[in-house]
C-alpha atoms as a PDB file:
ATOM      1  CA  MET A   1      74.869  91.821  82.462  1.00  0.00           C
ATOM      2  CA  LYS A   2      74.637  95.453  81.741  1.00  0.00           C
ATOM      3  CA  SER A   3      74.252  97.247  78.208  1.00  0.00           C
ATOM      4  CA  THR A   4      74.768 100.320  76.963  1.00  0.00           C
ATOM      5  CA  ALA A   5      72.416 103.156  75.658  1.00  0.00           C
ATOM      6  CA  LEU A   6      73.383 101.979  72.389  1.00  0.00           C
ATOM      7  CA  SER A   7      73.458  98.154  72.220  1.00  0.00           C
ATOM      8  CA  ASP A   8      70.070  97.834  70.643  1.00  0.00           C
ATOM      9  CA  ILE A   9      72.107 100.119  67.594  1.00  0.00           C
ATOM     10  CA  HIS A  10      75.484  97.583  67.993  1.00  0.00           C
ATOM     11  CA  ILE A  11      72.913  94.839  67.464  1.00  0.00           C
ATOM     12  CA  ALA A  12      70.762  95.912  64.569  1.00  0.00           C
ATOM     13  CA  LEU A  13      73.902  96.645  63.005  1.00  0.00           C
ATOM     14  CA  GLY A  14      75.085  93.124  63.267  1.00  0.00           C
ATOM     15  CA  ALA A  15      78.006  93.673  65.922  1.00  0.00           C
ATOM     16  CA  LYS A  16      79.076  90.557  67.260  1.00  0.00           C
ATOM     17  CA  MET A  17      78.624  91.121  70.772  1.00  0.00           C
ATOM     18  CA  VAL A  18      80.430  89.567  73.887  1.00  0.00           C
ATOM     19  CA  PRO A  19      80.231  89.798  77.551  1.00  0.00           C
ATOM     20  CA  PHE A  20      82.847  92.385  78.838  1.00  0.00           C
ATOM     21  CA  ALA A  21      83.558  93.725  82.259  1.00  0.00           C
ATOM     22  CA  GLY A  22      79.683  92.784  82.867  1.00  0.00           C
ATOM     23  CA  TYR A  23      78.628  94.669  80.091  1.00  0.00           C
ATOM     24  CA  ASN A  24      77.531  93.120  76.346  1.00  0.00           C
ATOM     25  CA  MET A  25      79.956  95.082  74.035  1.00  0.00           C
ATOM     26  CA  PRO A  26      80.530  94.854  70.634  1.00  0.00           C
ATOM     27  CA  VAL A  27      83.631  92.629  69.773  1.00  0.00           C
ATOM     28  CA  THR A  28      84.047  93.108  65.586  1.00  0.00           C
ATOM     29  CA  TYR A  29      81.424  94.180  62.931  1.00  0.00           C
ATOM     30  CA  GLU A  30      83.022  93.421  59.917  1.00  0.00           C
ATOM     31  CA  GLY A  31      86.446  92.323  61.346  1.00  0.00           C
ATOM     32  CA  ILE A  32      89.687  93.554  63.715  1.00  0.00           C
ATOM     33  CA  ASN A  33      91.866  93.771  60.757  1.00  0.00           C
ATOM     34  CA  ALA A  34      89.569  96.035  58.523  1.00  0.00           C
ATOM     35  CA  GLU A  35      88.441  98.331  61.487  1.00  0.00           C
ATOM     36  CA  HIS A  36      91.692  98.396  62.824  1.00  0.00           C
ATOM     37  CA  ALA A  37      92.491  99.754  59.255  1.00  0.00           C
ATOM     38  CA  ILE A  38      90.334 101.725  58.859  1.00  0.00           C
ATOM     39  CA  VAL A  39      90.816 104.075  62.257  1.00  0.00           C
ATOM     40  CA  ARG A  40      94.517 103.939  61.717  1.00  0.00           C
ATOM     41  CA  THR A  41      93.930 105.628  58.007  1.00  0.00           C
ATOM     42  CA  GLY A  42      90.315 107.113  58.682  1.00  0.00           C
ATOM     43  CA  VAL A  43      87.900 107.254  61.359  1.00  0.00           C
ATOM     44  CA  GLY A  44      86.114 105.081  63.534  1.00  0.00           C
ATOM     45  CA  VAL A  45      83.903 105.174  66.323  1.00  0.00           C
ATOM     46  CA  PHE A  46      83.665 103.251  69.608  1.00  0.00           C
ATOM     47  CA  ASP A  47      80.896 102.802  71.852  1.00  0.00           C
ATOM     48  CA  VAL A  48      83.363 102.879  75.046  1.00  0.00           C
ATOM     49  CA  SER A  49      80.069 103.544  77.396  1.00  0.00           C
ATOM     50  CA  HIS A  50      80.909 100.797  80.111  1.00  0.00           C
ATOM     51  CA  MET A  51      84.150 103.090  81.181  1.00  0.00           C
ATOM     52  CA  GLY A  52      83.519 104.912  85.023  1.00  0.00           C
ATOM     53  CA  GLU A  53      82.692 108.237  85.451  1.00  0.00           C
ATOM     54  CA  PHE A  54      83.293 110.052  89.213  1.00  0.00           C
ATOM     55  CA  ILE A  55      82.605 113.645  90.298  1.00  0.00           C
ATOM     56  CA  LEU A  56      84.989 114.878  93.053  1.00  0.00           C
ATOM     57  CA  LYS A  57      84.088 118.006  94.212  1.00  0.00           C
ATOM     58  CA  GLY A  58      84.648 120.733  97.056  1.00  0.00           C
ATOM     59  CA  ASP A  59      87.489 122.270  98.951  1.00  0.00           C
ATOM     60  CA  ASN A  60      88.896 119.222  99.424  1.00  0.00           C
ATOM     61  CA  ALA A  61      88.385 117.641  95.972  1.00  0.00           C
ATOM     62  CA  LEU A  62      92.071 118.150  94.864  1.00  0.00           C
ATOM     63  CA  ASP A  63      93.473 116.594  98.542  1.00  0.00           C
ATOM     64  CA  LEU A  64      91.995 113.515  97.827  1.00  0.00           C
ATOM     65  CA  ILE A  65      93.202 113.325  94.824  1.00  0.00           C
ATOM     66  CA  GLN A  66      96.540 113.659  95.873  1.00  0.00           C
ATOM     67  CA  ARG A  67      96.850 111.103  98.204  1.00  0.00           C
ATOM     68  CA  VAL A  68      95.062 108.347  96.051  1.00  0.00           C
ATOM     69  CA  THR A  69      97.080 108.619  92.914  1.00  0.00           C
ATOM     70  CA  SER A  70     100.578 109.076  91.806  1.00  0.00           C
ATOM     71  CA  ASN A  71     100.542 111.618  89.560  1.00  0.00           C
ATOM     72  CA  ASP A  72     100.575 115.344  90.563  1.00  0.00           C
ATOM     73  CA  ALA A  73      96.886 116.762  89.538  1.00  0.00           C
ATOM     74  CA  SER A  74      98.628 120.122  91.369  1.00  0.00           C
ATOM     75  CA  LYS A  75      99.726 120.371  87.625  1.00  0.00           C
ATOM     76  CA  LEU A  76      96.027 120.630  85.967  1.00  0.00           C
ATOM     77  CA  HIS A  77      94.746 123.637  84.949  1.00  0.00           C
ATOM     78  CA  ASP A  78      91.172 124.001  83.935  1.00  0.00           C
ATOM     79  CA  GLY A  79      90.613 122.374  80.418  1.00  0.00           C
ATOM     80  CA  LYS A  80      93.551 119.686  80.993  1.00  0.00           C
ATOM     81  CA  ILE A  81      93.458 116.334  81.756  1.00  0.00           C
ATOM     82  CA  GLN A  82      96.613 113.739  83.713  1.00  0.00           C
ATOM     83  CA  TYR A  83      96.625 109.929  83.006  1.00  0.00           C
ATOM     84  CA  SER A  84      97.625 108.366  86.590  1.00  0.00           C
ATOM     85  CA  CYS A  85      97.359 105.145  88.897  1.00  0.00           C
ATOM     86  CA  LEU A  86      95.863 104.317  92.004  1.00  0.00           C
ATOM     87  CA  PRO A  87      98.880 102.757  93.849  1.00  0.00           C
ATOM     88  CA  ASN A  88      97.494  99.921  96.469  1.00  0.00           C
ATOM     89  CA  LYS A  89      99.488  99.331 100.191  1.00  0.00           C
ATOM     90  CA  ASP A  90     101.475  96.429  98.558  1.00  0.00           C
ATOM     91  CA  GLY A  91     103.280  97.662  95.648  1.00  0.00           C
ATOM     92  CA  GLY A  92     100.938  97.010  93.250  1.00  0.00           C
ATOM     93  CA  ILE A  93      98.194  99.034  90.851  1.00  0.00           C
ATOM     94  CA  VAL A  94      94.282  99.222  91.786  1.00  0.00           C
ATOM     95  CA  ASP A  95      93.623 100.691  88.180  1.00  0.00           C
ATOM     96  CA  ASP A  96      95.157 103.150  85.984  1.00  0.00           C
ATOM     97  CA  LEU A  97      92.784 106.295  85.018  1.00  0.00           C
ATOM     98  CA  LEU A  98      92.280 109.835  83.851  1.00  0.00           C
ATOM     99  CA  VAL A  99      92.108 113.133  86.014  1.00  0.00           C
ATOM    100  CA  TYR A 100      90.154 115.917  84.395  1.00  0.00           C
ATOM    101  CA  ARG A 101      90.213 119.573  86.192  1.00  0.00           C
ATOM    102  CA  MET A 102      86.780 121.006  85.133  1.00  0.00           C
ATOM    103  CA  ASN A 103      87.971 123.762  87.899  1.00  0.00           C
ATOM    104  CA  GLU A 104      89.592 123.913  90.720  1.00  0.00           C
ATOM    105  CA  LYS A 105      87.333 122.731  93.113  1.00  0.00           C
ATOM    106  CA  SER A 106      85.559 119.773  90.637  1.00  0.00           C
ATOM    107  CA  TYR A 107      87.417 116.889  88.786  1.00  0.00           C
ATOM    108  CA  MET A 108      86.143 113.629  86.734  1.00  0.00           C
ATOM    109  CA  LEU A 109      87.895 110.674  87.271  1.00  0.00           C
ATOM    110  CA  VAL A 110      87.424 108.095  84.709  1.00  0.00           C
ATOM    111  CA  VAL A 111      88.437 104.469  85.335  1.00  0.00           C
ATOM    112  CA  ASN A 112      88.400 101.272  83.628  1.00  0.00           C
ATOM    113  CA  ALA A 113      85.019  99.828  83.180  1.00  0.00           C
ATOM    114  CA  SER A 114      85.821  96.150  85.331  1.00  0.00           C
ATOM    115  CA  ASN A 115      87.055  98.424  88.259  1.00  0.00           C
ATOM    116  CA  ILE A 116      83.757 100.546  88.539  1.00  0.00           C
ATOM    117  CA  GLU A 117      82.917  99.547  91.992  1.00  0.00           C
ATOM    118  CA  LYS A 118      86.281  98.976  93.159  1.00  0.00           C
ATOM    119  CA  ASP A 119      87.942 102.371  92.826  1.00  0.00           C
ATOM    120  CA  TRP A 120      84.538 103.671  94.004  1.00  0.00           C
ATOM    121  CA  ASN A 121      84.972 101.981  97.269  1.00  0.00           C
ATOM    122  CA  TRP A 122      89.060 102.715  97.188  1.00  0.00           C
ATOM    123  CA  ILE A 123      88.880 106.354  96.607  1.00  0.00           C
ATOM    124  CA  GLN A 124      86.137 106.293  99.282  1.00  0.00           C
ATOM    125  CA  SER A 125      88.263 104.672 102.108  1.00  0.00           C
ATOM    126  CA  PHE A 126      90.273 107.667 101.760  1.00  0.00           C
ATOM    127  CA  ASN A 127      87.877 110.617 101.882  1.00  0.00           C
ATOM    128  CA  THR A 128      88.439 111.717 105.528  1.00  0.00           C
ATOM    129  CA  GLU A 129      88.082 115.342 104.188  1.00  0.00           C
ATOM    130  CA  GLY A 130      84.403 115.308 103.210  1.00  0.00           C
ATOM    131  CA  ALA A 131      85.038 115.834  99.702  1.00  0.00           C
ATOM    132  CA  GLU A 132      81.704 115.238  97.658  1.00  0.00           C
ATOM    133  CA  MET A 133      82.035 112.131  95.305  1.00  0.00           C
ATOM    134  CA  HIS A 134      79.300 111.033  92.573  1.00  0.00           C
ATOM    135  CA  ASN A 135      79.114 108.031  90.587  1.00  0.00           C
ATOM    136  CA  ILE A 136      77.981 108.981  87.169  1.00  0.00           C
ATOM    137  CA  SER A 137      78.924 106.154  85.419  1.00  0.00           C
ATOM    138  CA  ASP A 138      75.389 104.479  84.948  1.00  0.00           C
ATOM    139  CA  GLN A 139      74.345 107.973  83.807  1.00  0.00           C
ATOM    140  CA  THR A 140      76.870 108.788  80.909  1.00  0.00           C
ATOM    141  CA  SER A 141      77.595 107.693  77.407  1.00  0.00           C
ATOM    142  CA  LEU A 142      81.229 107.691  76.042  1.00  0.00           C
ATOM    143  CA  LEU A 143      81.702 107.821  72.637  1.00  0.00           C
ATOM    144  CA  ALA A 144      85.564 107.739  71.327  1.00  0.00           C
ATOM    145  CA  ILE A 145      85.851 109.225  67.336  1.00  0.00           C
ATOM    146  CA  GLN A 146      89.764 107.705  66.728  1.00  0.00           C
ATOM    147  CA  GLY A 147      91.429 108.027  63.379  1.00  0.00           C
ATOM    148  CA  PRO A 148      93.445 110.741  61.298  1.00  0.00           C
ATOM    149  CA  LYS A 149      89.898 112.130  59.840  1.00  0.00           C
ATOM    150  CA  ALA A 150      88.138 112.129  63.148  1.00  0.00           C
ATOM    151  CA  ALA A 151      88.432 116.224  63.697  1.00  0.00           C
ATOM    152  CA  GLU A 152      87.628 117.221  60.184  1.00  0.00           C
ATOM    153  CA  ALA A 153      84.560 114.393  60.683  1.00  0.00           C
ATOM    154  CA  LEU A 154      83.202 116.051  63.291  1.00  0.00           C
ATOM    155  CA  GLN A 155      83.743 119.387  62.750  1.00  0.00           C
ATOM    156  CA  ALA A 156      79.910 120.747  61.477  1.00  0.00           C
ATOM    157  CA  LEU A 157      78.547 119.189  64.685  1.00  0.00           C
ATOM    158  CA  THR A 158      80.236 121.139  66.822  1.00  0.00           C
ATOM    159  CA  ASP A 159      81.734 125.320  67.300  1.00  0.00           C
ATOM    160  CA  VAL A 160      84.794 123.945  68.878  1.00  0.00           C
ATOM    161  CA  ASP A 161      87.823 124.495  66.757  1.00  0.00           C
ATOM    162  CA  LEU A 162      88.475 120.445  67.271  1.00  0.00           C
ATOM    163  CA  ALA A 163      91.817 120.978  64.712  1.00  0.00           C
ATOM    164  CA  SER A 164      92.852 123.040  66.964  1.00  0.00           C
ATOM    165  CA  MET A 165      92.314 121.145  70.316  1.00  0.00           C
ATOM    166  CA  GLU A 166      95.692 120.268  71.826  1.00  0.00           C
ATOM    167  CA  TYR A 167      96.422 116.316  73.065  1.00  0.00           C
ATOM    168  CA  TYR A 168      94.929 115.512  76.575  1.00  0.00           C
ATOM    169  CA  THR A 169      92.637 119.029  76.767  1.00  0.00           C
ATOM    170  CA  PHE A 170      89.141 119.350  77.021  1.00  0.00           C
ATOM    171  CA  VAL A 171      86.316 121.413  76.631  1.00  0.00           C
ATOM    172  CA  LYS A 172      82.144 121.752  77.260  1.00  0.00           C
ATOM    173  CA  GLY A 173      80.582 122.601  74.369  1.00  0.00           C
ATOM    174  CA  THR A 174      77.805 122.307  71.724  1.00  0.00           C
ATOM    175  CA  PHE A 175      78.120 119.078  69.882  1.00  0.00           C
ATOM    176  CA  ALA A 176      75.635 117.887  67.555  1.00  0.00           C
ATOM    177  CA  GLY A 177      73.014 120.339  68.876  1.00  0.00           C
ATOM    178  CA  VAL A 178      73.412 118.526  72.628  1.00  0.00           C
ATOM    179  CA  ASP A 179      74.234 121.238  74.964  1.00  0.00           C
ATOM    180  CA  ASN A 180      76.856 120.136  78.041  1.00  0.00           C
ATOM    181  CA  VAL A 181      78.979 117.655  76.030  1.00  0.00           C
ATOM    182  CA  LEU A 182      82.346 116.912  76.970  1.00  0.00           C
ATOM    183  CA  ILE A 183      84.730 116.624  74.230  1.00  0.00           C
ATOM    184  CA  SER A 184      88.109 115.504  74.974  1.00  0.00           C
ATOM    185  CA  ALA A 185      91.333 115.306  72.653  1.00  0.00           C
ATOM    186  CA  THR A 186      92.004 111.704  74.190  1.00  0.00           C
ATOM    187  CA  GLY A 187      91.692 108.215  72.891  1.00  0.00           C
ATOM    188  CA  TYR A 188      93.484 104.389  73.368  1.00  0.00           C
ATOM    189  CA  THR A 189      94.163 104.207  69.818  1.00  0.00           C
ATOM    190  CA  GLY A 190      97.818 106.681  69.275  1.00  0.00           C
ATOM    191  CA  ALA A 191      95.347 107.539  65.976  1.00  0.00           C
ATOM    192  CA  GLY A 192      94.464 110.236  66.957  1.00  0.00           C
ATOM    193  CA  GLY A 193      90.697 112.030  67.680  1.00  0.00           C
ATOM    194  CA  PHE A 194      88.725 112.461  70.482  1.00  0.00           C
ATOM    195  CA  GLU A 195      86.517 111.200  73.122  1.00  0.00           C
ATOM    196  CA  ILE A 196      83.012 113.025  73.672  1.00  0.00           C
ATOM    197  CA  TYR A 197      80.885 112.589  76.942  1.00  0.00           C
ATOM    198  CA  PHE A 198      76.949 112.900  77.485  1.00  0.00           C
ATOM    199  CA  GLU A 199      74.013 111.934  79.011  1.00  0.00           C
ATOM    200  CA  ASN A 200      72.757 108.704  78.384  1.00  0.00           C
ATOM    201  CA  GLN A 201      69.454 110.042  76.923  1.00  0.00           C
ATOM    202  CA  TYR A 202      71.258 111.730  74.006  1.00  0.00           C
ATOM    203  CA  ALA A 203      73.081 108.733  73.128  1.00  0.00           C
ATOM    204  CA  THR A 204      71.021 107.688  69.732  1.00  0.00           C
ATOM    205  CA  LYS A 205      70.500 111.322  68.844  1.00  0.00           C
ATOM    206  CA  ILE A 206      74.250 111.806  68.905  1.00  0.00           C
ATOM    207  CA  TRP A 207      75.755 108.327  67.045  1.00  0.00           C
ATOM    208  CA  GLU A 208      73.494 109.520  64.683  1.00  0.00           C
ATOM    209  CA  ALA A 209      74.433 112.539  64.133  1.00  0.00           C
ATOM    210  CA  ILE A 210      78.522 111.348  63.962  1.00  0.00           C
ATOM    211  CA  PHE A 211      77.285 108.794  61.344  1.00  0.00           C
ATOM    212  CA  GLU A 212      75.741 111.184  58.866  1.00  0.00           C
ATOM    213  CA  ALA A 213      78.408 113.810  59.408  1.00  0.00           C
ATOM    214  CA  GLY A 214      81.272 111.046  59.240  1.00  0.00           C
ATOM    215  CA  LYS A 215      79.814 109.697  55.870  1.00  0.00           C
ATOM    216  CA  PRO A 216      82.349 111.049  52.939  1.00  0.00           C
ATOM    217  CA  PHE A 217      84.440 110.046  55.660  1.00  0.00           C
ATOM    218  CA  ASN A 218      84.069 106.344  54.948  1.00  0.00           C
ATOM    219  CA  ILE A 219      83.261 106.736  58.966  1.00  0.00           C
ATOM    220  CA  LYS A 220      82.546 103.301  60.535  1.00  0.00           C
ATOM    221  CA  PRO A 221      81.304 101.331  63.981  1.00  0.00           C
ATOM    222  CA  ILE A 222      84.431  99.879  65.599  1.00  0.00           C
ATOM    223  CA  GLY A 223      84.634  96.786  68.018  1.00  0.00           C
ATOM    224  CA  LEU A 224      86.846  96.131  71.363  1.00  0.00           C
ATOM    225  CA  GLY A 225      88.644  93.683  69.626  1.00  0.00           C
ATOM    226  CA  ALA A 226      90.255  96.639  67.211  1.00  0.00           C
ATOM    227  CA  ARG A 227      90.952  98.954  70.150  1.00  0.00           C
ATOM    228  CA  ASP A 228      93.126  96.136  71.879  1.00  0.00           C
ATOM    229  CA  THR A 229      95.199  95.341  68.330  1.00  0.00           C
ATOM    230  CA  LEU A 230      95.196  99.526  67.960  1.00  0.00           C
ATOM    231  CA  ARG A 231      96.160 100.212  72.223  1.00  0.00           C
ATOM    232  CA  LEU A 232      98.885  97.298  71.446  1.00  0.00           C
ATOM    233  CA  GLU A 233     100.798  98.648  69.189  1.00  0.00           C
ATOM    234  CA  MET A 234     101.169 101.904  70.812  1.00  0.00           C
ATOM    235  CA  GLY A 235     102.256  99.754  73.951  1.00  0.00           C
ATOM    236  CA  PHE A 236      99.713 101.346  76.392  1.00  0.00           C
ATOM    237  CA  CYS A 237      98.638  99.187  79.286  1.00  0.00           C
ATOM    238  CA  LEU A 238      95.445  97.282  79.770  1.00  0.00           C
ATOM    239  CA  TYR A 239      94.467  97.075  82.862  1.00  0.00           C
ATOM    240  CA  GLY A 240      93.984  93.333  84.474  1.00  0.00           C
ATOM    241  CA  ASN A 241      96.471  92.080  81.567  1.00  0.00           C
ATOM    242  CA  ASP A 242      99.673  94.265  81.893  1.00  0.00           C
ATOM    243  CA  ILE A 243      98.773  96.127  85.345  1.00  0.00           C
ATOM    244  CA  ASP A 244      97.467  94.621  87.959  1.00  0.00           C
ATOM    245  CA  ASP A 245      97.121  94.390  91.491  1.00  0.00           C
ATOM    246  CA  THR A 246     100.647  93.071  91.621  1.00  0.00           C
ATOM    247  CA  THR A 247     102.601  94.962  89.188  1.00  0.00           C
ATOM    248  CA  SER A 248     103.937  98.230  90.658  1.00  0.00           C
ATOM    249  CA  PRO A 249     104.057 101.528  88.376  1.00  0.00           C
ATOM    250  CA  ILE A 250     107.593 101.406  88.631  1.00  0.00           C
ATOM    251  CA  GLU A 251     108.168  97.817  86.934  1.00  0.00           C
ATOM    252  CA  ALA A 252     105.545  98.638  84.632  1.00  0.00           C
ATOM    253  CA  GLY A 253     107.511 101.801  83.098  1.00  0.00           C
ATOM    254  CA  LEU A 254     105.190 104.197  84.361  1.00  0.00           C
ATOM    255  CA  GLY A 255     107.450 106.053  86.782  1.00  0.00           C
ATOM    256  CA  TRP A 256     106.612 109.186  84.570  1.00  0.00           C
ATOM    257  CA  ILE A 257     103.389 109.232  86.284  1.00  0.00           C
ATOM    258  CA  THR A 258     104.609 108.652  89.950  1.00  0.00           C
ATOM    259  CA  LYS A 259     105.598 112.093  91.033  1.00  0.00           C
ATOM    260  CA  PHE A 260     107.411 112.161  94.778  1.00  0.00           C
ATOM    261  CA  THR A 261     106.863 115.771  94.904  1.00  0.00           C
ATOM    262  CA  LYS A 262     103.605 115.025  97.210  1.00  0.00           C
ATOM    263  CA  PRO A 263     102.272 112.668  99.847  1.00  0.00           C
ATOM    264  CA  PHE A 264     100.558 109.341  98.425  1.00  0.00           C
ATOM    265  CA  THR A 265      99.194 105.970  98.739  1.00  0.00           C
ATOM    266  CA  ASN A 266     102.825 103.747  99.496  1.00  0.00           C
ATOM    267  CA  ALA A 267     105.199 106.493  97.772  1.00  0.00           C
ATOM    268  CA  ASP A 268     107.458 105.812 100.303  1.00  0.00           C
ATOM    269  CA  ALA A 269     107.754 101.874  99.058  1.00  0.00           C
ATOM    270  CA  LEU A 270     107.583 103.051  95.538  1.00  0.00           C
ATOM    271  CA  GLN A 271     110.612 105.329  95.874  1.00  0.00           C
ATOM    272  CA  ALA A 272     112.846 102.887  97.124  1.00  0.00           C
ATOM    273  CA  GLN A 273     111.998 100.642  94.722  1.00  0.00           C
ATOM    274  CA  LYS A 274     112.974 102.814  92.053  1.00  0.00           C
ATOM    275  CA  VAL A 275     115.960 103.816  93.810  1.00  0.00           C
ATOM    276  CA  ALA A 276     117.388 100.664  94.424  1.00  0.00           C
ATOM    277  CA  GLY A 277     115.867  99.051  90.695  1.00  0.00           C
ATOM    278  CA  VAL A 278     113.733  96.490  90.284  1.00  0.00           C
ATOM    279  CA  THR A 279     113.852  92.833  89.633  1.00  0.00           C
ATOM    280  CA  LYS A 280     111.698  92.683  86.555  1.00  0.00           C
ATOM    281  CA  LYS A 281     110.500  95.299  83.668  1.00  0.00           C
ATOM    282  CA  LEU A 282     107.560  95.460  81.246  1.00  0.00           C
ATOM    283  CA  VAL A 283     108.825  95.167  77.946  1.00  0.00           C
ATOM    284  CA  GLY A 284     107.698  94.798  74.223  1.00  0.00           C
ATOM    285  CA  PHE A 285     108.964  92.412  71.976  1.00  0.00           C
ATOM    286  CA  GLU A 286     108.595  91.321  68.293  1.00  0.00           C
ATOM    287  CA  MET A 287     108.326  87.427  67.621  1.00  0.00           C
ATOM    288  CA  ILE A 288     111.077  86.810  65.124  1.00  0.00           C
ATOM    289  CA  ASP A 289     110.009  83.138  64.411  1.00  0.00           C
ATOM    290  CA  ARG A 290     106.508  82.538  63.507  1.00  0.00           C
ATOM    291  CA  GLY A 291     104.030  82.412  66.415  1.00  0.00           C
ATOM    292  CA  ILE A 292     101.261  84.526  68.162  1.00  0.00           C
ATOM    293  CA  PRO A 293     102.388  85.726  71.568  1.00  0.00           C
ATOM    294  CA  ARG A 294      99.414  85.072  73.973  1.00  0.00           C
ATOM    295  CA  HIS A 295      98.153  86.520  77.483  1.00  0.00           C
ATOM    296  CA  ASP A 296     100.348  83.895  80.201  1.00  0.00           C
ATOM    297  CA  TYR A 297     102.883  82.360  77.804  1.00  0.00           C
ATOM    298  CA  GLU A 298     105.706  81.579  79.487  1.00  0.00           C
ATOM    299  CA  ILE A 299     109.050  83.242  78.315  1.00  0.00           C
ATOM    300  CA  ALA A 300     112.098  82.207  78.356  1.00  0.00           C
ATOM    301  CA  ASP A 301     116.009  82.030  77.800  1.00  0.00           C
ATOM    302  CA  ALA A 302     118.207  80.474  75.596  1.00  0.00           C
ATOM    303  CA  GLU A 303     118.802  77.498  77.796  1.00  0.00           C
ATOM    304  CA  GLY A 304     115.269  77.336  78.422  1.00  0.00           C
ATOM    305  CA  ASN A 305     114.817  79.167  81.944  1.00  0.00           C
ATOM    306  CA  VAL A 306     111.861  80.789  82.457  1.00  0.00           C
ATOM    307  CA  ILE A 307     112.766  84.507  83.219  1.00  0.00           C
ATOM    308  CA  GLY A 308     109.128  85.893  82.686  1.00  0.00           C
ATOM    309  CA  LYS A 309     105.790  85.798  81.647  1.00  0.00           C
ATOM    310  CA  VAL A 310     103.243  87.567  78.120  1.00  0.00           C
ATOM    311  CA  THR A 311     100.617  89.687  79.214  1.00  0.00           C
ATOM    312  CA  SER A 312      99.921  91.059  75.960  1.00  0.00           C
ATOM    313  CA  GLY A 313     100.104  90.016  72.417  1.00  0.00           C
ATOM    314  CA  THR A 314      98.527  89.780  68.897  1.00  0.00           C
ATOM    315  CA  GLN A 315      99.644  89.570  65.355  1.00  0.00           C
ATOM    316  CA  SER A 316     100.039  93.594  64.424  1.00  0.00           C
ATOM    317  CA  PRO A 317      97.731  94.327  61.435  1.00  0.00           C
ATOM    318  CA  SER A 318      99.674  97.424  61.074  1.00  0.00           C
ATOM    319  CA  LEU A 319     103.228  95.748  61.295  1.00  0.00           C
ATOM    320  CA  GLN A 320     102.181  92.663  59.485  1.00  0.00           C
ATOM    321  CA  LYS A 321     104.305  90.784  62.847  1.00  0.00           C
ATOM    322  CA  ALA A 322     103.667  89.144  66.077  1.00  0.00           C
ATOM    323  CA  ILE A 323     104.064  91.486  68.904  1.00  0.00           C
ATOM    324  CA  GLY A 324     103.792  90.998  72.757  1.00  0.00           C
ATOM    325  CA  MET A 325     104.200  92.961  76.048  1.00  0.00           C
ATOM    326  CA  GLY A 326     105.479  91.286  78.788  1.00  0.00           C
ATOM    327  CA  TYR A 327     107.348  91.051  82.441  1.00  0.00           C
ATOM    328  CA  VAL A 328     111.087  90.201  81.803  1.00  0.00           C
ATOM    329  CA  ALA A 329     113.825  89.443  84.289  1.00  0.00           C
ATOM    330  CA  LYS A 330     115.959  93.080  84.380  1.00  0.00           C
ATOM    331  CA  ASP A 331     118.847  91.219  82.412  1.00  0.00           C
ATOM    332  CA  PHE A 332     117.018  90.470  79.481  1.00  0.00           C
ATOM    333  CA  THR A 333     115.124  94.019  79.312  1.00  0.00           C
ATOM    334  CA  LYS A 334     117.480  95.563  76.719  1.00  0.00           C
ATOM    335  CA  GLU A 335     116.474  96.505  73.337  1.00  0.00           C
ATOM    336  CA  GLY A 336     117.443  93.554  70.739  1.00  0.00           C
ATOM    337  CA  THR A 337     118.157  91.129  73.576  1.00  0.00           C
ATOM    338  CA  GLU A 338     117.152  88.083  72.137  1.00  0.00           C
ATOM    339  CA  ILE A 339     114.117  85.884  73.747  1.00  0.00           C
ATOM    340  CA  PHE A 340     111.877  83.221  73.497  1.00  0.00           C
ATOM    341  CA  ILE A 341     107.911  82.887  73.810  1.00  0.00           C
ATOM    342  CA  VAL A 342     107.093  79.201  75.048  1.00  0.00           C
ATOM    343  CA  ILE A 343     104.215  78.540  72.726  1.00  0.00           C
ATOM    344  CA  ARG A 344     102.526  74.672  73.024  1.00  0.00           C
ATOM    345  CA  ASN A 345     105.914  73.894  74.722  1.00  0.00           C
ATOM    346  CA  THR A 346     108.144  75.082  72.024  1.00  0.00           C
ATOM    347  CA  PRO A 347     110.341  77.936  72.375  1.00  0.00           C
ATOM    348  CA  ILE A 348     110.044  80.519  69.411  1.00  0.00           C
ATOM    349  CA  LYS A 349     112.532  82.869  68.850  1.00  0.00           C
ATOM    350  CA  ALA A 350     111.680  86.693  69.743  1.00  0.00           C
ATOM    351  CA  LYS A 351     113.470  89.882  70.733  1.00  0.00           C
ATOM    352  CA  ILE A 352     112.920  92.924  73.022  1.00  0.00           C
ATOM    353  CA  VAL A 353     112.027  96.355  71.073  1.00  0.00           C
ATOM    354  CA  LYS A 354     111.149  99.661  72.192  1.00  0.00           C
ATOM    355  CA  PHE A 355     107.590 101.175  72.602  1.00  0.00           C
ATOM    356  CA  PRO A 356     105.790 101.865  70.799  1.00  0.00           C
ATOM    357  CA  PHE A 357     105.750  99.009  68.262  1.00  0.00           C
ATOM    358  CA  LEU A 358     104.345 101.550  65.561  1.00  0.00           C
ATOM    359  CA  LYS A 359     106.496 104.249  65.186  1.00  0.00           C
END
């Protein structure tokens, strides 16, 4: 099992460590609900160095990205980020990812930890025009500093005006005395904040500087458990749960990142699906009766017919109610539709709601 450059620090802080995507990762420090609340109201720090980073360079880098991703990367300008996905040839998704444009001939792709090798091999198989590819995942650390107080807590560490950065933009600058740190106005929590990328050798220095600067703001380390509840409240998809090799971006409600203005893998089939309409769709729901939905629980109609399956579910710390996501037959996707989650062979009442759960 791999470790991040900060694993020893997490262990020293008393984190509960679990295997995740081949890494020894902190799932919680003082409890998921407490950590969730810190991010929603203040500022917290996630070590997400297990994520993968690829650099694509050269005259044909953009062409390669355009052919393998569903979104239109030609719309990017320097310092801009795009959410996208890698469609497979069967209508599903190889992975979802972020595309960073450094300049017109240099891009960074950020992929899910569990898919690093799979994604690398997939993109490489389309690299027929000789774009330069570098997998920098093992050399790169990534911290997500999230919450409404993130900009204020971090500002003393950099000359970059953090508060003025637009969502889904990035800059490279000096951070905590370290040059060439990539500061990105992104995150997976819906609470605002930043993600910062740097070489492993600076991990301890940057971690300690962040916690020193964040002391007046009661900054705390946050585990992957709260990361999951935070993203679920926003209706953000988790690869392997809500999207995978068998779910199409159209079914998953990702039509907005599926641009048919250019050729890409399986574009014709996905466009046909968009025109014809889907038979199932990813929806959000909240429980009406008591019960917590979990991954793979069946979803039924009032007559007990199975109409779908839960992909993610939890007790929402912010809303104090159980929420979930899942694929259901198209006739049951309208907001307010009553459905039933089958929990231990008992149908428990729920209703379809719009994303995000936390308004």
